[in-house]
């Protein structure tokens, strides 16, 4: 596996991730009409940490055309 475990910049505990989609419409770029950008957002799940539930990393996931 090439996935690295991401850790909190404050407490060092492993982060959890979720996937978010962001619409790219109305930007004036013809390529982006009707498409979405998909991101994996990493956040801290340690309730004792000051960064608890704070989004720390946002990495793009390649857009995949529907088949």
PDB file of N, CA and C in Angstrom:
ATOM      1  N   UNK A   1       0.829  -1.194   0.000  1.00  0.00           N
ATOM      2  CA  UNK A   1       0.000   0.000   0.000  1.00  0.00           C
ATOM      3  C   UNK A   1       0.868   1.250   0.000  1.00  0.00           C
ATOM      4  N   UNK A   2       0.432   2.245  -0.763  1.00  0.00           N
ATOM      5  CA  UNK A   2       1.197   3.483  -0.824  1.00  0.00           C
ATOM      6  C   UNK A   2       0.619   4.559   0.092  1.00  0.00           C
ATOM      7  N   UNK A   3      -0.527   4.274   0.725  1.00  0.00           N
ATOM      8  CA  UNK A   3      -1.139   5.258   1.616  1.00  0.00           C
ATOM      9  C   UNK A   3      -0.316   5.406   2.890  1.00  0.00           C
ATOM     10  N   UNK A   4      -0.023   6.659   3.225  1.00  0.00           N
ATOM     11  CA  UNK A   4       0.686   6.930   4.459  1.00  0.00           C
ATOM     12  C   UNK A   4      -0.334   7.307   5.518  1.00  0.00           C
ATOM     13  N   UNK A   5      -0.062   6.937   6.766  1.00  0.00           N
ATOM     14  CA  UNK A   5      -0.951   7.317   7.849  1.00  0.00           C
ATOM     15  C   UNK A   5      -0.691   8.789   8.163  1.00  0.00           C
ATOM     16  N   UNK A   6      -1.742   9.592   8.094  1.00  0.00           N
ATOM     17  CA  UNK A   6      -1.611  11.004   8.416  1.00  0.00           C
ATOM     18  C   UNK A   6      -1.889  11.173   9.903  1.00  0.00           C
ATOM     19  N   UNK A   7      -1.102  12.009  10.551  1.00  0.00           N
ATOM     20  CA  UNK A   7      -1.271  12.235  11.976  1.00  0.00           C
ATOM     21  C   UNK A   7      -1.526  13.711  12.259  1.00  0.00           C
ATOM     22  N   UNK A   8      -2.139  13.976  13.392  1.00  0.00           N
ATOM     23  CA  UNK A   8      -2.458  15.340  13.799  1.00  0.00           C
ATOM     24  C   UNK A   8      -1.177  16.132  14.048  1.00  0.00           C
ATOM     25  N   UNK A   9      -1.151  17.377  13.598  1.00  0.00           N
ATOM     26  CA  UNK A   9       0.029  18.221  13.782  1.00  0.00           C
ATOM     27  C   UNK A   9       0.192  18.648  15.232  1.00  0.00           C
ATOM     28  N   UNK A  10      -0.869  18.488  16.038  1.00  0.00           N
ATOM     29  CA  UNK A  10      -0.788  18.881  17.436  1.00  0.00           C
ATOM     30  C   UNK A  10      -0.529  17.687  18.364  1.00  0.00           C
ATOM     31  N   UNK A  11      -1.380  16.655  18.289  1.00  0.00           N
ATOM     32  CA  UNK A  11      -1.281  15.545  19.243  1.00  0.00           C
ATOM     33  C   UNK A  11      -0.581  14.312  18.684  1.00  0.00           C
ATOM     34  N   UNK A  12      -0.403  14.233  17.357  1.00  0.00           N
ATOM     35  CA  UNK A  12       0.300  13.099  16.756  1.00  0.00           C
ATOM     36  C   UNK A  12      -0.541  11.847  16.577  1.00  0.00           C
ATOM     37  N   UNK A  13      -1.820  11.897  16.937  1.00  0.00           N
ATOM     38  CA  UNK A  13      -2.701  10.733  16.756  1.00  0.00           C
ATOM     39  C   UNK A  13      -3.114  10.612  15.290  1.00  0.00           C
ATOM     40  N   UNK A  14      -3.455   9.394  14.842  1.00  0.00           N
ATOM     41  CA  UNK A  14      -3.909   9.212  13.461  1.00  0.00           C
ATOM     42  C   UNK A  14      -5.182  10.014  13.183  1.00  0.00           C
ATOM     43  N   UNK A  15      -5.286  10.511  11.964  1.00  0.00           N
ATOM     44  CA  UNK A  15      -6.456  11.284  11.545  1.00  0.00           C
ATOM     45  C   UNK A  15      -7.480  10.380  10.887  1.00  0.00           C
ATOM     46  N   UNK A  16      -8.721  10.845  10.839  1.00  0.00           N
ATOM     47  CA  UNK A  16      -9.777  10.162  10.103  1.00  0.00           C
ATOM     48  C   UNK A  16     -10.073  10.986   8.863  1.00  0.00           C
ATOM     49  N   UNK A  17     -10.621  10.354   7.841  1.00  0.00           N
ATOM     50  CA  UNK A  17     -10.906  11.082   6.606  1.00  0.00           C
ATOM     51  C   UNK A  17     -12.354  10.941   6.196  1.00  0.00           C
ATOM     52  N   UNK A  18     -12.785  11.908   5.384  1.00  0.00           N
ATOM     53  CA  UNK A  18     -14.103  11.853   4.760  1.00  0.00           C
ATOM     54  C   UNK A  18     -13.946  12.399   3.347  1.00  0.00           C
ATOM     55  N   UNK A  19     -14.897  12.079   2.488  1.00  0.00           N
ATOM     56  CA  UNK A  19     -14.843  12.540   1.104  1.00  0.00           C
ATOM     57  C   UNK A  19     -15.855  13.666   0.928  1.00  0.00           C
ATOM     58  N   UNK A  20     -15.420  14.753   0.296  1.00  0.00           N
ATOM     59  CA  UNK A  20     -16.297  15.883   0.015  1.00  0.00           C
ATOM     60  C   UNK A  20     -16.266  16.185  -1.472  1.00  0.00           C
ATOM     61  N   UNK A  21     -17.404  16.598  -1.998  1.00  0.00           N
ATOM     62  CA  UNK A  21     -17.481  17.013  -3.396  1.00  0.00           C
ATOM     63  C   UNK A  21     -17.767  18.503  -3.438  1.00  0.00           C
ATOM     64  N   UNK A  22     -17.140  19.173  -4.390  1.00  0.00           N
ATOM     65  CA  UNK A  22     -17.312  20.608  -4.555  1.00  0.00           C
ATOM     66  C   UNK A  22     -17.652  20.864  -6.017  1.00  0.00           C
ATOM     67  N   UNK A  23     -18.805  21.463  -6.255  1.00  0.00           N
ATOM     68  CA  UNK A  23     -19.211  21.716  -7.643  1.00  0.00           C
ATOM     69  C   UNK A  23     -18.342  22.792  -8.267  1.00  0.00           C
ATOM     70  N   UNK A  24     -17.987  22.560  -9.535  1.00  0.00           N
ATOM     71  CA  UNK A  24     -17.210  23.550 -10.290  1.00  0.00           C
ATOM     72  C   UNK A  24     -18.083  24.090 -11.406  1.00  0.00           C
ATOM     73  N   UNK A  25     -19.049  24.910 -11.056  1.00  0.00           N
ATOM     74  CA  UNK A  25     -19.921  25.481 -12.080  1.00  0.00           C
ATOM     75  C   UNK A  25     -19.852  26.992 -12.007  1.00  0.00           C
ATOM     76  N   UNK A  26     -20.069  27.630 -13.136  1.00  0.00           N
ATOM     77  CA  UNK A  26     -20.101  29.078 -13.180  1.00  0.00           C
ATOM     78  C   UNK A  26     -18.752  29.747 -13.084  1.00  0.00           C
ATOM     79  N   UNK A  27     -17.675  29.011 -13.340  1.00  0.00           N
ATOM     80  CA  UNK A  27     -16.336  29.602 -13.235  1.00  0.00           C
ATOM     81  C   UNK A  27     -15.883  30.219 -14.547  1.00  0.00           C
ATOM     82  N   UNK A  28     -16.602  29.948 -15.622  1.00  0.00           N
ATOM     83  CA  UNK A  28     -16.215  30.495 -16.918  1.00  0.00           C
ATOM     84  C   UNK A  28     -15.250  29.609 -17.681  1.00  0.00           C
ATOM     85  N   UNK A  29     -14.834  28.526 -17.082  1.00  0.00           N
ATOM     86  CA  UNK A  29     -13.951  27.576 -17.764  1.00  0.00           C
ATOM     87  C   UNK A  29     -14.836  26.468 -18.316  1.00  0.00           C
ATOM     88  N   UNK A  30     -14.853  26.327 -19.634  1.00  0.00           N
ATOM     89  CA  UNK A  30     -15.796  25.410 -20.273  1.00  0.00           C
ATOM     90  C   UNK A  30     -15.634  23.975 -19.785  1.00  0.00           C
ATOM     91  N   UNK A  31     -14.432  23.584 -19.444  1.00  0.00           N
ATOM     92  CA  UNK A  31     -14.156  22.225 -19.014  1.00  0.00           C
ATOM     93  C   UNK A  31     -14.859  21.893 -17.692  1.00  0.00           C
ATOM     94  N   UNK A  32     -15.148  22.901 -16.886  1.00  0.00           N
ATOM     95  CA  UNK A  32     -15.659  22.628 -15.547  1.00  0.00           C
ATOM     96  C   UNK A  32     -17.179  22.651 -15.428  1.00  0.00           C
ATOM     97  N   UNK A  33     -17.896  22.928 -16.503  1.00  0.00           N
ATOM     98  CA  UNK A  33     -19.359  22.964 -16.420  1.00  0.00           C
ATOM     99  C   UNK A  33     -19.926  21.596 -16.094  1.00  0.00           C
ATOM    100  N   UNK A  34     -20.726  21.542 -15.028  1.00  0.00           N
ATOM    101  CA  UNK A  34     -21.397  20.304 -14.659  1.00  0.00           C
ATOM    102  C   UNK A  34     -20.508  19.256 -14.036  1.00  0.00           C
ATOM    103  N   UNK A  35     -19.291  19.585 -13.646  1.00  0.00           N
ATOM    104  CA  UNK A  35     -18.397  18.616 -13.027  1.00  0.00           C
ATOM    105  C   UNK A  35     -18.214  18.946 -11.557  1.00  0.00           C
ATOM    106  N   UNK A  36     -17.693  17.992 -10.819  1.00  0.00           N
ATOM    107  CA  UNK A  36     -17.386  18.202  -9.407  1.00  0.00           C
ATOM    108  C   UNK A  36     -15.910  17.923  -9.154  1.00  0.00           C
ATOM    109  N   UNK A  37     -15.370  18.606  -8.182  1.00  0.00           N
ATOM    110  CA  UNK A  37     -14.044  18.275  -7.681  1.00  0.00           C
ATOM    111  C   UNK A  37     -14.269  17.457  -6.419  1.00  0.00           C
ATOM    112  N   UNK A  38     -13.535  16.371  -6.282  1.00  0.00           N
ATOM    113  CA  UNK A  38     -13.686  15.509  -5.125  1.00  0.00           C
ATOM    114  C   UNK A  38     -12.419  15.571  -4.292  1.00  0.00           C
ATOM    115  N   UNK A  39     -12.601  15.708  -2.994  1.00  0.00           N
ATOM    116  CA  UNK A  39     -11.466  15.831  -2.080  1.00  0.00           C
ATOM    117  C   UNK A  39     -11.601  14.845  -0.942  1.00  0.00           C
ATOM    118  N   UNK A  40     -10.470  14.383  -0.437  1.00  0.00           N
ATOM    119  CA  UNK A  40     -10.433  13.624   0.810  1.00  0.00           C
ATOM    120  C   UNK A  40      -9.969  14.609   1.879  1.00  0.00           C
ATOM    121  N   UNK A  41     -10.797  14.804   2.894  1.00  0.00           N
ATOM    122  CA  UNK A  41     -10.500  15.755   3.956  1.00  0.00           C
ATOM    123  C   UNK A  41     -10.139  14.981   5.218  1.00  0.00           C
ATOM    124  N   UNK A  42      -8.974  15.295   5.790  1.00  0.00           N
ATOM    125  CA  UNK A  42      -8.476  14.615   6.987  1.00  0.00           C
ATOM    126  C   UNK A  42      -8.696  15.513   8.194  1.00  0.00           C
ATOM    127  N   UNK A  43      -9.194  14.931   9.301  1.00  0.00           N
ATOM    128  CA  UNK A  43      -9.458  15.708  10.501  1.00  0.00           C
ATOM    129  C   UNK A  43      -9.117  14.901  11.749  1.00  0.00           C
ATOM    130  N   UNK A  44      -8.854  15.617  12.844  1.00  0.00           N
ATOM    131  CA  UNK A  44      -8.469  14.986  14.105  1.00  0.00           C
ATOM    132  C   UNK A  44      -9.701  14.447  14.827  1.00  0.00           C
ATOM    133  N   UNK A  45      -9.588  13.218  15.364  1.00  0.00           N
ATOM    134  CA  UNK A  45     -10.702  12.608  16.093  1.00  0.00           C
ATOM    135  C   UNK A  45     -10.371  12.400  17.567  1.00  0.00           C
ATOM    136  N   UNK A  46      -9.313  13.028  18.046  1.00  0.00           N
ATOM    137  CA  UNK A  46      -8.918  12.914  19.449  1.00  0.00           C
ATOM    138  C   UNK A  46      -9.642  13.996  20.253  1.00  0.00           C
ATOM    139  N   UNK A  47     -10.631  13.624  21.089  1.00  0.00           N
ATOM    140  CA  UNK A  47     -11.411  14.628  21.815  1.00  0.00           C
ATOM    141  C   UNK A  47     -10.588  15.437  22.828  1.00  0.00           C
ATOM    142  N   UNK A  48      -9.406  14.955  23.185  1.00  0.00           N
ATOM    143  CA  UNK A  48      -8.556  15.681  24.132  1.00  0.00           C
ATOM    144  C   UNK A  48      -7.646  16.692  23.449  1.00  0.00           C
ATOM    145  N   UNK A  49      -7.671  16.747  22.120  1.00  0.00           N
ATOM    146  CA  UNK A  49      -6.777  17.619  21.356  1.00  0.00           C
ATOM    147  C   UNK A  49      -7.469  18.943  21.024  1.00  0.00           C
ATOM    148  N   UNK A  50      -6.700  20.030  21.003  1.00  0.00           N
ATOM    149  CA  UNK A  50      -7.273  21.335  20.642  1.00  0.00           C
ATOM    150  C   UNK A  50      -7.671  21.377  19.165  1.00  0.00           C
ATOM    151  N   UNK A  51      -7.164  20.440  18.356  1.00  0.00           N
ATOM    152  CA  UNK A  51      -7.497  20.386  16.926  1.00  0.00           C
ATOM    153  C   UNK A  51      -8.665  19.434  16.644  1.00  0.00           C
ATOM    154  N   UNK A  52      -9.355  18.968  17.685  1.00  0.00           N
ATOM    155  CA  UNK A  52     -10.465  18.018  17.551  1.00  0.00           C
ATOM    156  C   UNK A  52     -11.493  18.522  16.542  1.00  0.00           C
ATOM    157  N   UNK A  53     -11.828  17.663  15.587  1.00  0.00           N
ATOM    158  CA  UNK A  53     -12.792  17.945  14.504  1.00  0.00           C
ATOM    159  C   UNK A  53     -12.373  19.109  13.613  1.00  0.00           C
ATOM    160  N   UNK A  54     -11.088  19.439  13.595  1.00  0.00           N
ATOM    161  CA  UNK A  54     -10.583  20.491  12.712  1.00  0.00           C
ATOM    162  C   UNK A  54     -10.046  19.848  11.443  1.00  0.00           C
ATOM    163  N   UNK A  55     -10.433  20.388  10.268  1.00  0.00           N
ATOM    164  CA  UNK A  55      -9.913  19.883   9.002  1.00  0.00           C
ATOM    165  C   UNK A  55      -8.461  20.302   8.865  1.00  0.00           C
ATOM    166  N   UNK A  56      -7.562  19.315   8.752  1.00  0.00           N
ATOM    167  CA  UNK A  56      -6.133  19.602   8.711  1.00  0.00           C
ATOM    168  C   UNK A  56      -5.527  19.454   7.322  1.00  0.00           C
ATOM    169  N   UNK A  57      -6.011  18.497   6.537  1.00  0.00           N
ATOM    170  CA  UNK A  57      -5.475  18.267   5.200  1.00  0.00           C
ATOM    171  C   UNK A  57      -6.635  18.110   4.228  1.00  0.00           C
ATOM    172  N   UNK A  58      -6.461  18.603   3.026  1.00  0.00           N
ATOM    173  CA  UNK A  58      -7.460  18.442   1.961  1.00  0.00           C
ATOM    174  C   UNK A  58      -6.692  18.031   0.714  1.00  0.00           C
ATOM    175  N   UNK A  59      -6.901  16.803   0.264  1.00  0.00           N
ATOM    176  CA  UNK A  59      -6.182  16.328  -0.914  1.00  0.00           C
ATOM    177  C   UNK A  59      -7.167  15.981  -2.019  1.00  0.00           C
ATOM    178  N   UNK A  60      -6.876  16.436  -3.241  1.00  0.00           N
ATOM    179  CA  UNK A  60      -7.787  16.155  -4.352  1.00  0.00           C
ATOM    180  C   UNK A  60      -7.766  14.680  -4.746  1.00  0.00           C
ATOM    181  N   UNK A  61      -8.926  14.179  -5.105  1.00  0.00           N
ATOM    182  CA  UNK A  61      -9.064  12.838  -5.663  1.00  0.00           C
ATOM    183  C   UNK A  61      -9.403  13.048  -7.128  1.00  0.00           C
ATOM    184  N   UNK A  62      -8.766  12.328  -8.007  1.00  0.00           N
ATOM    185  CA  UNK A  62      -8.994  12.508  -9.453  1.00  0.00           C
ATOM    186  C   UNK A  62     -10.465  12.317  -9.784  1.00  0.00           C
ATOM    187  N   UNK A  63     -10.989  13.234 -10.595  1.00  0.00           N
ATOM    188  CA  UNK A  63     -12.375  13.103 -11.052  1.00  0.00           C
ATOM    189  C   UNK A  63     -12.483  11.869 -11.938  1.00  0.00           C
ATOM    190  N   UNK A  64     -13.485  11.078 -11.692  1.00  0.00           N
ATOM    191  CA  UNK A  64     -13.664   9.862 -12.479  1.00  0.00           C
ATOM    192  C   UNK A  64     -14.944   9.984 -13.278  1.00  0.00           C
ATOM    193  N   UNK A  65     -14.847   9.845 -14.598  1.00  0.00           N
ATOM    194  CA  UNK A  65     -16.066   9.916 -15.424  1.00  0.00           C
ATOM    195  C   UNK A  65     -16.985   8.735 -15.134  1.00  0.00           C
ATOM    196  N   UNK A  66     -18.285   8.984 -15.226  1.00  0.00           N
ATOM    197  CA  UNK A  66     -19.249   7.903 -15.013  1.00  0.00           C
ATOM    198  C   UNK A  66     -19.180   6.934 -16.177  1.00  0.00           C
ATOM    199  N   UNK A  67     -19.282   5.637 -15.865  1.00  0.00           N
ATOM    200  CA  UNK A  67     -19.203   4.634 -16.929  1.00  0.00           C
ATOM    201  C   UNK A  67     -20.542   4.025 -17.227  1.00  0.00           C
TER     202      UNK A  67
END
